[in-house]
C-alpha atoms as a PDB file:
ATOM      1  CA  UNK A   1      19.333  17.146  68.596  1.00  0.00           C
ATOM      2  CA  UNK A   2      19.555  18.941  65.289  1.00  0.00           C
ATOM      3  CA  UNK A   3      21.869  16.438  63.549  1.00  0.00           C
ATOM      4  CA  UNK A   4      20.529  13.282  65.163  1.00  0.00           C
ATOM      5  CA  UNK A   5      20.975  10.442  62.654  1.00  0.00           C
ATOM      6  CA  UNK A   6      18.197   8.300  64.177  1.00  0.00           C
ATOM      7  CA  UNK A   7      15.623  11.103  63.989  1.00  0.00           C
ATOM      8  CA  UNK A   8      16.741  12.099  60.484  1.00  0.00           C
ATOM      9  CA  UNK A   9      16.357   8.524  59.279  1.00  0.00           C
ATOM     10  CA  UNK A  10      12.964   8.175  60.948  1.00  0.00           C
ATOM     11  CA  UNK A  11      11.837  11.504  59.504  1.00  0.00           C
ATOM     12  CA  UNK A  12      12.833  10.485  55.972  1.00  0.00           C
ATOM     13  CA  UNK A  13      11.131   7.090  56.326  1.00  0.00           C
ATOM     14  CA  UNK A  14       7.920   8.852  57.361  1.00  0.00           C
ATOM     15  CA  UNK A  15       8.019  11.263  54.425  1.00  0.00           C
ATOM     16  CA  UNK A  16       4.707   9.868  53.061  1.00  0.00           C
ATOM     17  CA  UNK A  17       2.914  11.247  56.113  1.00  0.00           C
ATOM     18  CA  UNK A  18       1.849  14.919  56.046  1.00  0.00           C
ATOM     19  CA  UNK A  19       4.237  17.197  57.917  1.00  0.00           C
ATOM     20  CA  UNK A  20       1.964  18.004  60.852  1.00  0.00           C
ATOM     21  CA  UNK A  21       1.247  14.347  61.639  1.00  0.00           C
ATOM     22  CA  UNK A  22       4.893  13.424  61.057  1.00  0.00           C
ATOM     23  CA  UNK A  23       6.039  15.986  63.643  1.00  0.00           C
ATOM     24  CA  UNK A  24       3.521  14.582  66.122  1.00  0.00           C
ATOM     25  CA  UNK A  25       4.897  11.080  65.515  1.00  0.00           C
ATOM     26  CA  UNK A  26       8.484  12.246  65.971  1.00  0.00           C
ATOM     27  CA  UNK A  27       7.785  14.313  69.090  1.00  0.00           C
ATOM     28  CA  UNK A  28       8.071  11.368  71.525  1.00  0.00           C
ATOM     29  CA  UNK A  29      11.327  10.240  69.970  1.00  0.00           C
ATOM     30  CA  UNK A  30      12.785  13.747  70.089  1.00  0.00           C
ATOM     31  CA  UNK A  31      11.756  13.975  73.727  1.00  0.00           C
ATOM     32  CA  UNK A  32      13.401  10.607  74.416  1.00  0.00           C
ATOM     33  CA  UNK A  33      16.682  11.930  73.043  1.00  0.00           C
ATOM     34  CA  UNK A  34      16.412  15.214  74.973  1.00  0.00           C
ATOM     35  CA  UNK A  35      15.716  13.477  78.287  1.00  0.00           C
ATOM     36  CA  UNK A  36      18.429  10.898  77.630  1.00  0.00           C
ATOM     37  CA  UNK A  37      20.958  13.627  76.790  1.00  0.00           C
ATOM     38  CA  UNK A  38      20.140  15.438  80.029  1.00  0.00           C
ATOM     39  CA  UNK A  39      20.786  12.140  81.871  1.00  0.00           C
ATOM     40  CA  UNK A  40      24.215  11.931  80.214  1.00  0.00           C
ATOM     41  CA  UNK A  41      23.512   9.191  77.672  1.00  0.00           C
ATOM     42  CA  UNK A  42      24.984   9.308  74.188  1.00  0.00           C
ATOM     43  CA  UNK A  43      22.861   9.427  71.048  1.00  0.00           C
ATOM     44  CA  UNK A  44      24.115   5.967  70.114  1.00  0.00           C
ATOM     45  CA  UNK A  45      22.936   4.486  73.436  1.00  0.00           C
ATOM     46  CA  UNK A  46      19.555   6.152  73.110  1.00  0.00           C
ATOM     47  CA  UNK A  47      19.147   4.964  69.523  1.00  0.00           C
ATOM     48  CA  UNK A  48      19.970   1.391  70.591  1.00  0.00           C
ATOM     49  CA  UNK A  49      17.299   1.628  73.323  1.00  0.00           C
ATOM     50  CA  UNK A  50      14.679   2.566  70.742  1.00  0.00           C
ATOM     51  CA  UNK A  51      15.623  -0.032  68.158  1.00  0.00           C
ATOM     52  CA  UNK A  52      15.748  -0.015  64.399  1.00  0.00           C
ATOM     53  CA  UNK A  53      14.221   3.147  62.860  1.00  0.00           C
ATOM     54  CA  UNK A  54      13.053   1.099  59.849  1.00  0.00           C
ATOM     55  CA  UNK A  55      10.906  -1.135  62.045  1.00  0.00           C
ATOM     56  CA  UNK A  56       9.607   1.839  64.019  1.00  0.00           C
ATOM     57  CA  UNK A  57       8.723   3.666  60.798  1.00  0.00           C
ATOM     58  CA  UNK A  58       6.845   0.638  59.415  1.00  0.00           C
ATOM     59  CA  UNK A  59       4.841   0.354  62.651  1.00  0.00           C
ATOM     60  CA  UNK A  60       4.081   4.076  62.696  1.00  0.00           C
ATOM     61  CA  UNK A  61       3.028   4.016  59.031  1.00  0.00           C
ATOM     62  CA  UNK A  62       0.779   1.005  59.626  1.00  0.00           C
ATOM     63  CA  UNK A  63      -0.903   2.738  62.592  1.00  0.00           C
ATOM     64  CA  UNK A  64      -1.246   5.969  60.618  1.00  0.00           C
ATOM     65  CA  UNK A  65      -2.800   4.343  57.555  1.00  0.00           C
ATOM     66  CA  UNK A  66      -5.175   2.257  59.666  1.00  0.00           C
ATOM     67  CA  UNK A  67      -6.407   5.344  61.513  1.00  0.00           C
ATOM     68  CA  UNK A  68      -6.705   7.172  58.184  1.00  0.00           C
ATOM     69  CA  UNK A  69      -8.716   4.265  56.729  1.00  0.00           C
ATOM     70  CA  UNK A  70     -11.018   4.325  59.766  1.00  0.00           C
ATOM     71  CA  UNK A  71     -11.693   8.038  59.459  1.00  0.00           C
ATOM     72  CA  UNK A  72     -11.876   8.489  55.653  1.00  0.00           C
ATOM     73  CA  UNK A  73     -13.215   5.058  54.645  1.00  0.00           C
ATOM     74  CA  UNK A  74     -11.922   4.992  51.089  1.00  0.00           C
ATOM     75  CA  UNK A  75     -10.572   2.011  49.174  1.00  0.00           C
ATOM     76  CA  UNK A  76      -7.234   3.783  48.688  1.00  0.00           C
ATOM     77  CA  UNK A  77      -6.753   4.193  52.427  1.00  0.00           C
ATOM     78  CA  UNK A  78      -7.799   0.580  52.991  1.00  0.00           C
ATOM     79  CA  UNK A  79      -5.184  -0.721  50.559  1.00  0.00           C
ATOM     80  CA  UNK A  80      -2.518   1.551  52.061  1.00  0.00           C
ATOM     81  CA  UNK A  81      -3.345   0.148  55.496  1.00  0.00           C
ATOM     82  CA  UNK A  82      -3.152  -3.409  54.147  1.00  0.00           C
ATOM     83  CA  UNK A  83       0.210  -2.812  52.452  1.00  0.00           C
ATOM     84  CA  UNK A  84       1.603  -1.050  55.536  1.00  0.00           C
ATOM     85  CA  UNK A  85       0.542  -3.969  57.737  1.00  0.00           C
ATOM     86  CA  UNK A  86       1.917  -6.548  55.296  1.00  0.00           C
ATOM     87  CA  UNK A  87       5.268  -4.743  55.236  1.00  0.00           C
ATOM     88  CA  UNK A  88       5.797  -5.468  58.928  1.00  0.00           C
ATOM     89  CA  UNK A  89       6.656  -9.136  58.439  1.00  0.00           C
ATOM     90  CA  UNK A  90       6.362 -12.201  56.250  1.00  0.00           C
ATOM     91  CA  UNK A  91       3.785 -13.476  58.741  1.00  0.00           C
ATOM     92  CA  UNK A  92       1.466 -10.673  57.658  1.00  0.00           C
ATOM     93  CA  UNK A  93       1.692 -11.567  53.979  1.00  0.00           C
ATOM     94  CA  UNK A  94       0.130 -14.914  54.771  1.00  0.00           C
ATOM     95  CA  UNK A  95      -2.309 -13.862  57.468  1.00  0.00           C
ATOM     96  CA  UNK A  96      -3.525 -10.580  55.987  1.00  0.00           C
ATOM     97  CA  UNK A  97      -3.273 -10.982  52.219  1.00  0.00           C
ATOM     98  CA  UNK A  98      -5.014 -14.386  52.222  1.00  0.00           C
ATOM     99  CA  UNK A  99      -8.167 -13.417  54.135  1.00  0.00           C
ATOM    100  CA  UNK A 100      -8.372 -10.033  52.411  1.00  0.00           C
ATOM    101  CA  UNK A 101      -8.113 -11.674  48.992  1.00  0.00           C
ATOM    102  CA  UNK A 102     -10.804 -14.205  49.961  1.00  0.00           C
ATOM    103  CA  UNK A 103     -13.172 -11.495  51.223  1.00  0.00           C
ATOM    104  CA  UNK A 104     -12.525  -9.304  48.206  1.00  0.00           C
ATOM    105  CA  UNK A 105     -13.045 -12.195  45.791  1.00  0.00           C
ATOM    106  CA  UNK A 106     -16.297 -13.184  47.505  1.00  0.00           C
ATOM    107  CA  UNK A 107     -17.523  -9.607  47.476  1.00  0.00           C
ATOM    108  CA  UNK A 108     -16.695  -9.113  43.783  1.00  0.00           C
ATOM    109  CA  UNK A 109     -18.388 -12.408  42.860  1.00  0.00           C
ATOM    110  CA  UNK A 110     -21.546 -11.387  44.735  1.00  0.00           C
ATOM    111  CA  UNK A 111     -21.494  -7.972  43.022  1.00  0.00           C
ATOM    112  CA  UNK A 112     -21.183  -9.699  39.639  1.00  0.00           C
ATOM    113  CA  UNK A 113     -24.178 -11.906  40.461  1.00  0.00           C
ATOM    114  CA  UNK A 114     -26.209  -8.822  41.434  1.00  0.00           C
ATOM    115  CA  UNK A 115     -25.322  -7.108  38.149  1.00  0.00           C
ATOM    116  CA  UNK A 116     -26.101 -10.223  36.096  1.00  0.00           C
ATOM    117  CA  UNK A 117     -29.457 -10.664  37.835  1.00  0.00           C
ATOM    118  CA  UNK A 118     -30.298  -7.037  37.118  1.00  0.00           C
ATOM    119  CA  UNK A 119     -29.314  -7.265  33.431  1.00  0.00           C
ATOM    120  CA  UNK A 120     -30.579 -10.802  32.683  1.00  0.00           C
ATOM    121  CA  UNK A 121     -34.139  -9.709  31.761  1.00  0.00           C
ATOM    122  CA  UNK A 122     -32.808  -8.051  28.621  1.00  0.00           C
ATOM    123  CA  UNK A 123     -31.701 -11.446  27.341  1.00  0.00           C
ATOM    124  CA  UNK A 124     -34.893 -13.155  28.434  1.00  0.00           C
ATOM    125  CA  UNK A 125     -37.107 -10.532  26.834  1.00  0.00           C
ATOM    126  CA  UNK A 126     -35.040 -10.563  23.637  1.00  0.00           C
ATOM    127  CA  UNK A 127     -35.382 -14.340  23.391  1.00  0.00           C
ATOM    128  CA  UNK A 128     -39.100 -13.956  24.042  1.00  0.00           C
ATOM    129  CA  UNK A 129     -39.446 -11.630  21.034  1.00  0.00           C
ATOM    130  CA  UNK A 130     -37.614 -14.119  18.826  1.00  0.00           C
ATOM    131  CA  UNK A 131     -40.162 -16.887  19.394  1.00  0.00           C
ATOM    132  CA  UNK A 132     -43.166 -14.664  20.138  1.00  0.00           C
ATOM    133  CA  UNK A 133     -46.161 -16.298  21.857  1.00  0.00           C
ATOM    134  CA  UNK A 134     -48.530 -14.719  24.366  1.00  0.00           C
ATOM    135  CA  UNK A 135     -48.158 -17.423  27.067  1.00  0.00           C
ATOM    136  CA  UNK A 136     -44.392 -17.488  26.748  1.00  0.00           C
ATOM    137  CA  UNK A 137     -44.207 -13.683  26.738  1.00  0.00           C
ATOM    138  CA  UNK A 138     -46.240 -13.297  29.960  1.00  0.00           C
ATOM    139  CA  UNK A 139     -44.128 -15.862  31.790  1.00  0.00           C
ATOM    140  CA  UNK A 140     -40.889 -14.285  30.566  1.00  0.00           C
ATOM    141  CA  UNK A 141     -42.087 -10.793  31.495  1.00  0.00           C
ATOM    142  CA  UNK A 142     -42.879 -11.721  35.094  1.00  0.00           C
ATOM    143  CA  UNK A 143     -39.789 -13.893  35.388  1.00  0.00           C
ATOM    144  CA  UNK A 144     -37.715 -10.914  34.152  1.00  0.00           C
ATOM    145  CA  UNK A 145     -39.433  -8.633  36.642  1.00  0.00           C
ATOM    146  CA  UNK A 146     -38.528 -11.067  39.427  1.00  0.00           C
ATOM    147  CA  UNK A 147     -34.881 -11.217  38.329  1.00  0.00           C
ATOM    148  CA  UNK A 148     -34.580  -7.413  38.135  1.00  0.00           C
ATOM    149  CA  UNK A 149     -36.072  -7.111  41.607  1.00  0.00           C
ATOM    150  CA  UNK A 150     -33.693  -9.696  43.024  1.00  0.00           C
ATOM    151  CA  UNK A 151     -30.747  -8.021  41.300  1.00  0.00           C
ATOM    152  CA  UNK A 152     -31.633  -4.584  42.640  1.00  0.00           C
ATOM    153  CA  UNK A 153     -32.212  -5.890  46.166  1.00  0.00           C
ATOM    154  CA  UNK A 154     -28.939  -7.778  46.040  1.00  0.00           C
ATOM    155  CA  UNK A 155     -27.141  -4.647  44.755  1.00  0.00           C
ATOM    156  CA  UNK A 156     -28.467  -2.625  47.686  1.00  0.00           C
ATOM    157  CA  UNK A 157     -27.466  -5.421  50.043  1.00  0.00           C
ATOM    158  CA  UNK A 158     -23.960  -5.468  48.568  1.00  0.00           C
ATOM    159  CA  UNK A 159     -23.504  -1.820  49.542  1.00  0.00           C
ATOM    160  CA  UNK A 160     -24.041  -2.781  53.180  1.00  0.00           C
ATOM    161  CA  UNK A 161     -21.971  -5.941  52.862  1.00  0.00           C
ATOM    162  CA  UNK A 162     -19.135  -3.843  51.379  1.00  0.00           C
ATOM    163  CA  UNK A 163     -19.218  -1.472  54.351  1.00  0.00           C
ATOM    164  CA  UNK A 164     -19.249  -4.435  56.742  1.00  0.00           C
ATOM    165  CA  UNK A 165     -16.302  -6.079  54.949  1.00  0.00           C
ATOM    166  CA  UNK A 166     -14.399  -2.773  55.091  1.00  0.00           C
ATOM    167  CA  UNK A 167     -14.771  -2.550  58.875  1.00  0.00           C
ATOM    168  CA  UNK A 168     -14.119  -6.273  59.312  1.00  0.00           C
ATOM    169  CA  UNK A 169     -10.838  -6.027  57.385  1.00  0.00           C
ATOM    170  CA  UNK A 170      -9.745  -3.009  59.456  1.00  0.00           C
ATOM    171  CA  UNK A 171     -10.491  -4.826  62.711  1.00  0.00           C
ATOM    172  CA  UNK A 172      -8.592  -7.872  61.480  1.00  0.00           C
ATOM    173  CA  UNK A 173      -5.564  -5.759  60.507  1.00  0.00           C
ATOM    174  CA  UNK A 174      -5.576  -4.042  63.908  1.00  0.00           C
ATOM    175  CA  UNK A 175      -5.794  -7.406  65.665  1.00  0.00           C
ATOM    176  CA  UNK A 176      -2.953  -8.733  63.525  1.00  0.00           C
ATOM    177  CA  UNK A 177      -0.765  -5.707  64.305  1.00  0.00           C
ATOM    178  CA  UNK A 178      -1.324  -6.225  68.020  1.00  0.00           C
ATOM    179  CA  UNK A 179      -0.182  -9.815  67.642  1.00  0.00           C
ATOM    180  CA  UNK A 180       2.913  -8.762  65.664  1.00  0.00           C
ATOM    181  CA  UNK A 181       3.848  -6.019  68.143  1.00  0.00           C
ATOM    182  CA  UNK A 182       3.364  -8.379  71.062  1.00  0.00           C
ATOM    183  CA  UNK A 183       0.490  -6.456  72.589  1.00  0.00           C
ATOM    184  CA  UNK A 184      -2.304  -8.303  74.225  1.00  0.00           C
ATOM    185  CA  UNK A 185      -4.569  -9.326  71.339  1.00  0.00           C
ATOM    186  CA  UNK A 186      -7.918  -9.463  73.137  1.00  0.00           C
END
């Protein structure tokens, strides 16, 4: 199977995957060709049984990047998993990119609110010094303290919300891939 066109194409399409993992992915396909050859089938027949290597490579890349995103939990791996899943079909552009964009937009808006709440006392205190009065200053000081506290609590909460969104997006992508592949999506 040294000059097998199907395996060569699949290997080149999986070039973004590290060599060790790529060889593990290709092992089953190499075995399929070896068993088929021992049964007297031609490489062309065996390749037709497997299907298009481009589709197989996209599915393997999507599975690889999803498992990588689950284990490493970095934004880069998350976006690679999203792009790999979206590349499977036009259906995925609509049903993955839309919800991911909505979740990401909501998360970024909440983070911006947390930052603004944390920084707003600087403006309040500055305005208090402009029109200095003791009653106004005391109210502004405690109001600023309340806003900083809310901002810091919200910032801490956003860390946990971000982790939850990360896992939610991964579960949604995995569910979507099962639907696309025709697996049972329960």
